[in-house]
PDB file of N, CA and C in Angstrom:
ATOM      1  N   MET A   1       8.501   5.388  16.027  1.00  0.00           N
ATOM      2  CA  MET A   1       9.157   5.750  15.043  1.00  0.00           C
ATOM      3  C   MET A   1       9.179   6.442  14.694  1.00  0.00           C
ATOM      4  N   ALA A   2      10.106   7.106  13.767  1.00  0.00           N
ATOM      5  CA  ALA A   2      10.453   8.303  12.841  1.00  0.00           C
ATOM      6  C   ALA A   2       9.409   8.444  11.699  1.00  0.00           C
ATOM      7  N   LYS A   3       8.764   9.021  10.951  1.00  0.00           N
ATOM      8  CA  LYS A   3       8.585   9.439   9.641  1.00  0.00           C
ATOM      9  C   LYS A   3       9.286   9.560   8.973  1.00  0.00           C
ATOM     10  N   GLY A   4       8.770   8.685   7.633  1.00  0.00           N
ATOM     11  CA  GLY A   4       9.844   9.128   6.317  1.00  0.00           C
ATOM     12  C   GLY A   4       9.819  10.756   5.563  1.00  0.00           C
ATOM     13  N   ARG A   5      10.834  10.732   4.773  1.00  0.00           N
ATOM     14  CA  ARG A   5      10.417  12.174   4.024  1.00  0.00           C
ATOM     15  C   ARG A   5       9.545  12.682   4.070  1.00  0.00           C
ATOM     16  N   THR A   6       8.603  12.087   2.920  1.00  0.00           N
ATOM     17  CA  THR A   6       6.840  11.784   1.841  1.00  0.00           C
ATOM     18  C   THR A   6       6.350  12.280   3.741  1.00  0.00           C
ATOM     19  N   ALA A   7       5.913  11.478   4.189  1.00  0.00           N
ATOM     20  CA  ALA A   7       5.243  11.754   5.528  1.00  0.00           C
ATOM     21  C   ALA A   7       5.665  12.963   6.170  1.00  0.00           C
ATOM     22  N   GLU A   8       6.981  13.227   6.296  1.00  0.00           N
ATOM     23  CA  GLU A   8       6.926  14.966   7.516  1.00  0.00           C
ATOM     24  C   GLU A   8       6.692  15.782   6.164  1.00  0.00           C
ATOM     25  N   PHE A   9       6.897  15.339   4.753  1.00  0.00           N
ATOM     26  CA  PHE A   9       5.989  16.720   4.235  1.00  0.00           C
ATOM     27  C   PHE A   9       4.883  16.689   4.194  1.00  0.00           C
ATOM     28  N   TYR A  10       4.083  15.402   4.353  1.00  0.00           N
ATOM     29  CA  TYR A  10       2.772  15.776   4.113  1.00  0.00           C
ATOM     30  C   TYR A  10       2.112  16.223   5.435  1.00  0.00           C
ATOM     31  N   ALA A  11       2.897  16.461   6.364  1.00  0.00           N
ATOM     32  CA  ALA A  11       2.542  16.917   7.816  1.00  0.00           C
ATOM     33  C   ALA A  11       2.344  18.343   7.733  1.00  0.00           C
ATOM     34  N   LYS A  12       3.793  18.683   6.760  1.00  0.00           N
ATOM     35  CA  LYS A  12       4.216  20.096   7.349  1.00  0.00           C
ATOM     36  C   LYS A  12       3.230  20.891   5.786  1.00  0.00           C
ATOM     37  N   ASN A  13       2.643  20.299   5.243  1.00  0.00           N
ATOM     38  CA  ASN A  13       1.708  20.671   4.253  1.00  0.00           C
ATOM     39  C   ASN A  13       0.384  20.088   3.591  1.00  0.00           C
ATOM     40  N   PRO A  14      -0.530  20.733   4.518  1.00  0.00           N
ATOM     41  CA  PRO A  14      -1.807  20.044   4.983  1.00  0.00           C
ATOM     42  C   PRO A  14      -2.091  20.461   3.681  1.00  0.00           C
ATOM     43  N   LYS A  15      -2.640  21.337   2.819  1.00  0.00           N
ATOM     44  CA  LYS A  15      -2.709  21.513   0.981  1.00  0.00           C
ATOM     45  C   LYS A  15      -2.418  20.461   0.275  1.00  0.00           C
ATOM     46  N   SER A  16      -1.488  19.662   0.039  1.00  0.00           N
ATOM     47  CA  SER A  16      -0.597  19.606  -0.257  1.00  0.00           C
ATOM     48  C   SER A  16      -1.065  17.830  -0.140  1.00  0.00           C
ATOM     49  N   ALA A  17      -0.963  17.549   0.591  1.00  0.00           N
ATOM     50  CA  ALA A  17      -1.623  16.237   1.767  1.00  0.00           C
ATOM     51  C   ALA A  17      -3.168  16.044   1.246  1.00  0.00           C
ATOM     52  N   ALA A  18      -4.341  17.021   1.097  1.00  0.00           N
ATOM     53  CA  ALA A  18      -5.177  17.134   0.593  1.00  0.00           C
ATOM     54  C   ALA A  18      -5.727  16.675  -0.970  1.00  0.00           C
ATOM     55  N   LYS A  19      -4.730  17.475  -1.744  1.00  0.00           N
ATOM     56  CA  LYS A  19      -4.555  17.303  -2.618  1.00  0.00           C
ATOM     57  C   LYS A  19      -4.263  15.695  -3.224  1.00  0.00           C
ATOM     58  N   ARG A  20      -3.106  15.425  -2.328  1.00  0.00           N
ATOM     59  CA  ARG A  20      -2.761  14.087  -2.791  1.00  0.00           C
ATOM     60  C   ARG A  20      -3.611  12.607  -2.026  1.00  0.00           C
ATOM     61  N   ARG A  21      -4.379  13.210  -1.713  1.00  0.00           N
ATOM     62  CA  ARG A  21      -5.980  12.388  -1.220  1.00  0.00           C
ATOM     63  C   ARG A  21      -6.962  12.142  -2.118  1.00  0.00           C
ATOM     64  N   VAL A  22      -7.403  13.297  -2.888  1.00  0.00           N
ATOM     65  CA  VAL A  22      -7.923  13.156  -3.668  1.00  0.00           C
ATOM     66  C   VAL A  22      -7.179  12.164  -4.955  1.00  0.00           C
ATOM     67  N   GLN A  23      -6.074  12.689  -4.793  1.00  0.00           N
ATOM     68  CA  GLN A  23      -5.763  12.185  -6.398  1.00  0.00           C
ATOM     69  C   GLN A  23      -5.748  10.806  -6.149  1.00  0.00           C
ATOM     70  N   GLN A  24      -5.222  10.126  -5.152  1.00  0.00           N
ATOM     71  CA  GLN A  24      -5.303   8.884  -4.697  1.00  0.00           C
ATOM     72  C   GLN A  24      -6.905   8.177  -4.869  1.00  0.00           C
ATOM     73  N   ARG A  25      -7.724   8.426  -4.324  1.00  0.00           N
ATOM     74  CA  ARG A  25      -9.057   8.076  -4.262  1.00  0.00           C
ATOM     75  C   ARG A  25      -9.237   7.658  -5.841  1.00  0.00           C
ATOM     76  N   ALA A  26      -9.232   8.777  -6.769  1.00  0.00           N
ATOM     77  CA  ALA A  26      -9.652   8.630  -7.916  1.00  0.00           C
ATOM     78  C   ALA A  26      -8.865   7.316  -8.681  1.00  0.00           C
ATOM     79  N   TYR A  27      -7.385   7.506  -8.237  1.00  0.00           N
ATOM     80  CA  TYR A  27      -6.483   6.278  -8.637  1.00  0.00           C
ATOM     81  C   TYR A  27      -7.362   4.657  -8.073  1.00  0.00           C
ATOM     82  N   ASN A  28      -7.635   5.004  -7.199  1.00  0.00           N
ATOM     83  CA  ASN A  28      -8.066   3.712  -6.739  1.00  0.00           C
ATOM     84  C   ASN A  28      -9.193   3.314  -7.054  1.00  0.00           C
ATOM     85  N   LYS A  29      -9.893   3.933  -7.992  1.00  0.00           N
ATOM     86  CA  LYS A  29     -11.602   3.943  -8.419  1.00  0.00           C
ATOM     87  C   LYS A  29     -10.965   3.046 -10.185  1.00  0.00           C
ATOM     88  N   THR A  30      -9.843   3.790 -10.522  1.00  0.00           N
ATOM     89  CA  THR A  30      -9.381   3.540 -12.220  1.00  0.00           C
ATOM     90  C   THR A  30      -9.130   1.567 -11.914  1.00  0.00           C
ATOM     91  N   ALA A  31      -9.630   0.857 -13.423  1.00  0.00           N
ATOM     92  CA  ALA A  31      -9.209  -0.828 -13.455  1.00  0.00           C
ATOM     93  C   ALA A  31      -7.876  -0.760 -13.008  1.00  0.00           C
ATOM     94  N   LYS A  32      -7.051   0.135 -13.057  1.00  0.00           N
ATOM     95  CA  LYS A  32      -5.542  -0.342 -12.639  1.00  0.00           C
ATOM     96  C   LYS A  32      -5.086  -0.571 -11.048  1.00  0.00           C
ATOM     97  N   GLY A  33      -6.284   0.226 -10.709  1.00  0.00           N
ATOM     98  CA  GLY A  33      -5.829   0.841  -8.989  1.00  0.00           C
ATOM     99  C   GLY A  33      -6.699  -0.530  -8.295  1.00  0.00           C
ATOM    100  N   MET A  34      -7.624  -0.670  -8.911  1.00  0.00           N
ATOM    101  CA  MET A  34      -8.882  -1.342  -8.404  1.00  0.00           C
ATOM    102  C   MET A  34      -8.196  -2.738  -8.589  1.00  0.00           C
ATOM    103  N   GLN A  35      -7.185  -3.291  -9.584  1.00  0.00           N
ATOM    104  CA  GLN A  35      -6.640  -4.714  -9.717  1.00  0.00           C
ATOM    105  C   GLN A  35      -5.922  -4.722  -8.181  1.00  0.00           C
ATOM    106  N   ILE A  36      -4.564  -3.865  -8.764  1.00  0.00           N
ATOM    107  CA  ILE A  36      -3.846  -3.539  -7.832  1.00  0.00           C
ATOM    108  C   ILE A  36      -3.994  -4.062  -6.545  1.00  0.00           C
ATOM    109  N   ARG A  37      -5.320  -2.960  -5.756  1.00  0.00           N
ATOM    110  CA  ARG A  37      -5.515  -3.140  -4.601  1.00  0.00           C
ATOM    111  C   ARG A  37      -6.678  -4.851  -4.062  1.00  0.00           C
ATOM    112  N   THR A  38      -7.004  -5.728  -4.888  1.00  0.00           N
ATOM    113  CA  THR A  38      -7.556  -6.843  -5.201  1.00  0.00           C
ATOM    114  C   THR A  38      -6.904  -7.417  -5.324  1.00  0.00           C
ATOM    115  N   ALA A  39      -5.947  -7.714  -5.349  1.00  0.00           N
ATOM    116  CA  ALA A  39      -4.977  -8.992  -5.946  1.00  0.00           C
ATOM    117  C   ALA A  39      -4.028  -8.641  -4.609  1.00  0.00           C
ATOM    118  N   ALA A  40      -3.771  -7.450  -3.967  1.00  0.00           N
ATOM    119  CA  ALA A  40      -3.155  -7.610  -2.525  1.00  0.00           C
ATOM    120  C   ALA A  40      -4.256  -8.026  -1.482  1.00  0.00           C
ATOM    121  N   ASN A  41      -5.354  -7.855  -1.377  1.00  0.00           N
ATOM    122  CA  ASN A  41      -6.095  -7.969  -0.523  1.00  0.00           C
ATOM    123  C   ASN A  41      -6.675  -9.888  -0.553  1.00  0.00           C
ATOM    124  N   LYS A  42      -6.415 -10.123  -1.802  1.00  0.00           N
ATOM    125  CA  LYS A  42      -6.405 -11.677  -1.911  1.00  0.00           C
ATOM    126  C   LYS A  42      -5.545 -12.382  -1.716  1.00  0.00           C
ATOM    127  N   LEU A  43      -3.793 -11.872  -1.439  1.00  0.00           N
ATOM    128  CA  LEU A  43      -2.855 -12.399  -1.275  1.00  0.00           C
ATOM    129  C   LEU A  43      -2.431 -12.185   0.377  1.00  0.00           C
ATOM    130  N   ASN A  44      -3.640 -11.309   0.775  1.00  0.00           N
ATOM    131  CA  ASN A  44      -3.562 -11.239   2.526  1.00  0.00           C
ATOM    132  C   ASN A  44      -4.697 -11.819   2.878  1.00  0.00           C
ATOM    133  N   ARG A  45      -5.340 -12.546   2.730  1.00  0.00           N
ATOM    134  CA  ARG A  45      -6.281 -13.213   2.969  1.00  0.00           C
ATOM    135  C   ARG A  45      -5.821 -14.831   2.473  1.00  0.00           C
ATOM    136  N   LYS A  46      -5.210 -15.085   1.406  1.00  0.00           N
ATOM    137  CA  LYS A  46      -4.871 -16.362   1.117  1.00  0.00           C
ATOM    138  C   LYS A  46      -3.549 -17.115   2.482  1.00  0.00           C
ATOM    139  N   LEU A  47      -2.598 -15.832   2.802  1.00  0.00           N
ATOM    140  CA  LEU A  47      -1.491 -16.036   4.189  1.00  0.00           C
ATOM    141  C   LEU A  47      -2.115 -15.806   4.939  1.00  0.00           C
ATOM    142  N   GLY A  48      -3.683 -15.725   5.123  1.00  0.00           N
ATOM    143  CA  GLY A  48      -3.746 -15.482   6.686  1.00  0.00           C
ATOM    144  C   GLY A  48      -3.788 -14.323   7.109  1.00  0.00           C
ATOM    145  N   THR A  49      -3.279 -13.277   6.790  1.00  0.00           N
ATOM    146  CA  THR A  49      -2.886 -11.667   7.141  1.00  0.00           C
ATOM    147  C   THR A  49      -3.585 -11.011   7.648  1.00  0.00           C
ATOM    148  N   TYR A  50      -4.945 -10.943   6.780  1.00  0.00           N
ATOM    149  CA  TYR A  50      -6.088  -9.660   6.092  1.00  0.00           C
ATOM    150  C   TYR A  50      -6.467  -9.927   7.738  1.00  0.00           C
ATOM    151  N   GLY A  51      -7.016  -8.396   8.213  1.00  0.00           N
ATOM    152  CA  GLY A  51      -7.453  -7.736   9.612  1.00  0.00           C
ATOM    153  C   GLY A  51      -7.297  -8.694  10.171  1.00  0.00           C
ATOM    154  N   ASN A  52      -6.127  -9.318  10.141  1.00  0.00           N
ATOM    155  CA  ASN A  52      -5.667 -10.146  11.753  1.00  0.00           C
ATOM    156  C   ASN A  52      -4.958  -8.760  13.125  1.00  0.00           C
ATOM    157  N   GLY A  53      -4.539  -8.123  12.204  1.00  0.00           N
ATOM    158  CA  GLY A  53      -3.702  -6.943  13.577  1.00  0.00           C
ATOM    159  C   GLY A  53      -1.983  -7.430  14.129  1.00  0.00           C
ATOM    160  N   ASP A  54      -1.444  -8.423  12.953  1.00  0.00           N
ATOM    161  CA  ASP A  54      -0.151  -8.895  12.790  1.00  0.00           C
ATOM    162  C   ASP A  54       0.542  -7.800  12.332  1.00  0.00           C
ATOM    163  N   ASN A  55       0.403  -6.426  11.687  1.00  0.00           N
ATOM    164  CA  ASN A  55       1.350  -5.284  11.366  1.00  0.00           C
ATOM    165  C   ASN A  55       1.776  -6.199  10.103  1.00  0.00           C
ATOM    166  N   LYS A  56       1.548  -7.008   9.331  1.00  0.00           N
ATOM    167  CA  LYS A  56       2.361  -7.792   8.282  1.00  0.00           C
ATOM    168  C   LYS A  56       1.643  -7.647   7.076  1.00  0.00           C
ATOM    169  N   ASP A  57       2.169  -7.268   5.790  1.00  0.00           N
ATOM    170  CA  ASP A  57       1.386  -7.279   4.629  1.00  0.00           C
ATOM    171  C   ASP A  57       2.155  -8.337   3.688  1.00  0.00           C
ATOM    172  N   ALA A  58       1.260  -8.755   2.797  1.00  0.00           N
ATOM    173  CA  ALA A  58       1.477  -9.994   1.306  1.00  0.00           C
ATOM    174  C   ALA A  58       2.501  -8.801   0.836  1.00  0.00           C
ATOM    175  N   SER A  59       3.471  -9.176   0.657  1.00  0.00           N
ATOM    176  CA  SER A  59       4.585  -8.789  -0.690  1.00  0.00           C
ATOM    177  C   SER A  59       4.151  -8.478  -1.519  1.00  0.00           C
ATOM    178  N   HIS A  60       4.791  -7.223  -1.983  1.00  0.00           N
ATOM    179  CA  HIS A  60       4.297  -6.593  -3.406  1.00  0.00           C
ATOM    180  C   HIS A  60       5.452  -7.124  -4.722  1.00  0.00           C
ATOM    181  N   THR A  61       5.841  -8.272  -4.795  1.00  0.00           N
ATOM    182  CA  THR A  61       7.287  -8.177  -5.314  1.00  0.00           C
ATOM    183  C   THR A  61       6.611  -9.790  -6.437  1.00  0.00           C
ATOM    184  N   SER A  62       5.251 -10.507  -5.822  1.00  0.00           N
ATOM    185  CA  SER A  62       4.578 -10.906  -6.775  1.00  0.00           C
ATOM    186  C   SER A  62       3.598 -11.886  -6.601  1.00  0.00           C
ATOM    187  N   LYS A  63       2.397 -11.967  -7.248  1.00  0.00           N
ATOM    188  CA  LYS A  63       1.022 -11.735  -7.558  1.00  0.00           C
ATOM    189  C   LYS A  63       0.643 -13.356  -6.866  1.00  0.00           C
ATOM    190  N   SER A  64       1.307 -14.670  -7.402  1.00  0.00           N
ATOM    191  CA  SER A  64       0.944 -15.619  -6.807  1.00  0.00           C
ATOM    192  C   SER A  64       1.191 -16.107  -5.466  1.00  0.00           C
ATOM    193  N   LYS A  65       2.851 -16.116  -5.186  1.00  0.00           N
ATOM    194  CA  LYS A  65       3.046 -17.093  -4.796  1.00  0.00           C
ATOM    195  C   LYS A  65       2.836 -15.731  -2.930  1.00  0.00           C
ATOM    196  N   GLY A  66       3.974 -14.910  -3.211  1.00  0.00           N
ATOM    197  CA  GLY A  66       4.268 -13.644  -1.701  1.00  0.00           C
ATOM    198  C   GLY A  66       4.823 -14.266  -0.611  1.00  0.00           C
ATOM    199  N   LYS A  67       4.990 -13.279   0.088  1.00  0.00           N
ATOM    200  CA  LYS A  67       5.349 -13.688   1.710  1.00  0.00           C
ATOM    201  C   LYS A  67       5.016 -12.442   2.859  1.00  0.00           C
ATOM    202  N   LEU A  68       5.428 -12.653   3.508  1.00  0.00           N
ATOM    203  CA  LEU A  68       4.956 -11.511   4.428  1.00  0.00           C
ATOM    204  C   LEU A  68       6.170 -10.984   5.067  1.00  0.00           C
ATOM    205  N   GLU A  69       5.297  -9.058   4.985  1.00  0.00           N
ATOM    206  CA  GLU A  69       6.521  -8.235   5.415  1.00  0.00           C
ATOM    207  C   GLU A  69       6.083  -7.071   6.237  1.00  0.00           C
ATOM    208  N   SER A  70       6.609  -6.061   6.782  1.00  0.00           N
ATOM    209  CA  SER A  70       6.742  -5.406   7.160  1.00  0.00           C
ATOM    210  C   SER A  70       5.925  -4.481   6.115  1.00  0.00           C
ATOM    211  N   PRO A  71       4.479  -3.631   6.865  1.00  0.00           N
ATOM    212  CA  PRO A  71       4.251  -2.808   5.519  1.00  0.00           C
ATOM    213  C   PRO A  71       5.132  -1.630   5.162  1.00  0.00           C
ATOM    214  N   THR A  72       6.197  -1.120   5.868  1.00  0.00           N
ATOM    215  CA  THR A  72       6.906  -0.107   5.563  1.00  0.00           C
ATOM    216  C   THR A  72       7.602  -0.230   4.336  1.00  0.00           C
ATOM    217  N   ARG A  73       8.343  -1.806   4.495  1.00  0.00           N
ATOM    218  CA  ARG A  73       9.151  -2.398   3.462  1.00  0.00           C
ATOM    219  C   ARG A  73       8.417  -2.639   2.346  1.00  0.00           C
ATOM    220  N   ASN A  74       7.055  -2.930   2.302  1.00  0.00           N
ATOM    221  CA  ASN A  74       6.576  -3.410   0.901  1.00  0.00           C
ATOM    222  C   ASN A  74       6.428  -2.291   0.448  1.00  0.00           C
ATOM    223  N   ARG A  75       6.024  -1.698   1.064  1.00  0.00           N
ATOM    224  CA  ARG A  75       4.985  -0.380  -0.128  1.00  0.00           C
ATOM    225  C   ARG A  75       5.820   0.599  -0.396  1.00  0.00           C
ATOM    226  N   ALA A  76       7.361   0.582   0.226  1.00  0.00           N
ATOM    227  CA  ALA A  76       8.528   1.551  -0.220  1.00  0.00           C
ATOM    228  C   ALA A  76       9.048   0.739  -1.519  1.00  0.00           C
ATOM    229  N   ARG A  77       8.520   0.091  -1.541  1.00  0.00           N
ATOM    230  CA  ARG A  77       9.301  -0.882  -2.850  1.00  0.00           C
ATOM    231  C   ARG A  77       8.730  -0.091  -4.038  1.00  0.00           C
ATOM    232  N   LYS A  78       9.533   0.477  -5.216  1.00  0.00           N
ATOM    233  CA  LYS A  78       9.402   0.431  -6.197  1.00  0.00           C
ATOM    234  C   LYS A  78       9.243  -0.649  -7.315  1.00  0.00           C
ATOM    235  N   GLY A  79       8.484  -0.139  -8.397  1.00  0.00           N
ATOM    236  CA  GLY A  79       8.376  -1.155  -9.206  1.00  0.00           C
ATOM    237  C   GLY A  79       7.002  -2.312  -8.856  1.00  0.00           C
ATOM    238  N   HIS A  80       5.841  -2.174  -8.298  1.00  0.00           N
ATOM    239  CA  HIS A  80       4.659  -2.888  -7.931  1.00  0.00           C
ATOM    240  C   HIS A  80       4.669  -3.706  -8.750  1.00  0.00           C
ATOM    241  N   TYR A  81       3.951  -4.971  -8.366  1.00  0.00           N
ATOM    242  CA  TYR A  81       3.367  -5.884  -9.341  1.00  0.00           C
ATOM    243  C   TYR A  81       2.423  -5.671 -10.484  1.00  0.00           C
ATOM    244  N   ALA A  82       1.786  -4.843 -10.218  1.00  0.00           N
ATOM    245  CA  ALA A  82       0.473  -4.585 -11.256  1.00  0.00           C
ATOM    246  C   ALA A  82       0.534  -4.186 -12.146  1.00  0.00           C
TER     247      ALA A  82
END
């Protein structure tokens, strides 16, 4: 499967990739970042897909119901639920 434009950019620009990883680590420690992460993990567990290797994510379109879809489609969507 081909890489997306963003993945290609970071593959060609390791300094930018390192900078983004630092920013992402900081964001994941904020209250909002933790809320998004914990809600996604909770929904993945509820749907029975957490850690089973089925290559599916709980959709970011709904906090409570959710549905399973490919990580690529799920993470590319704008307007995450948190």
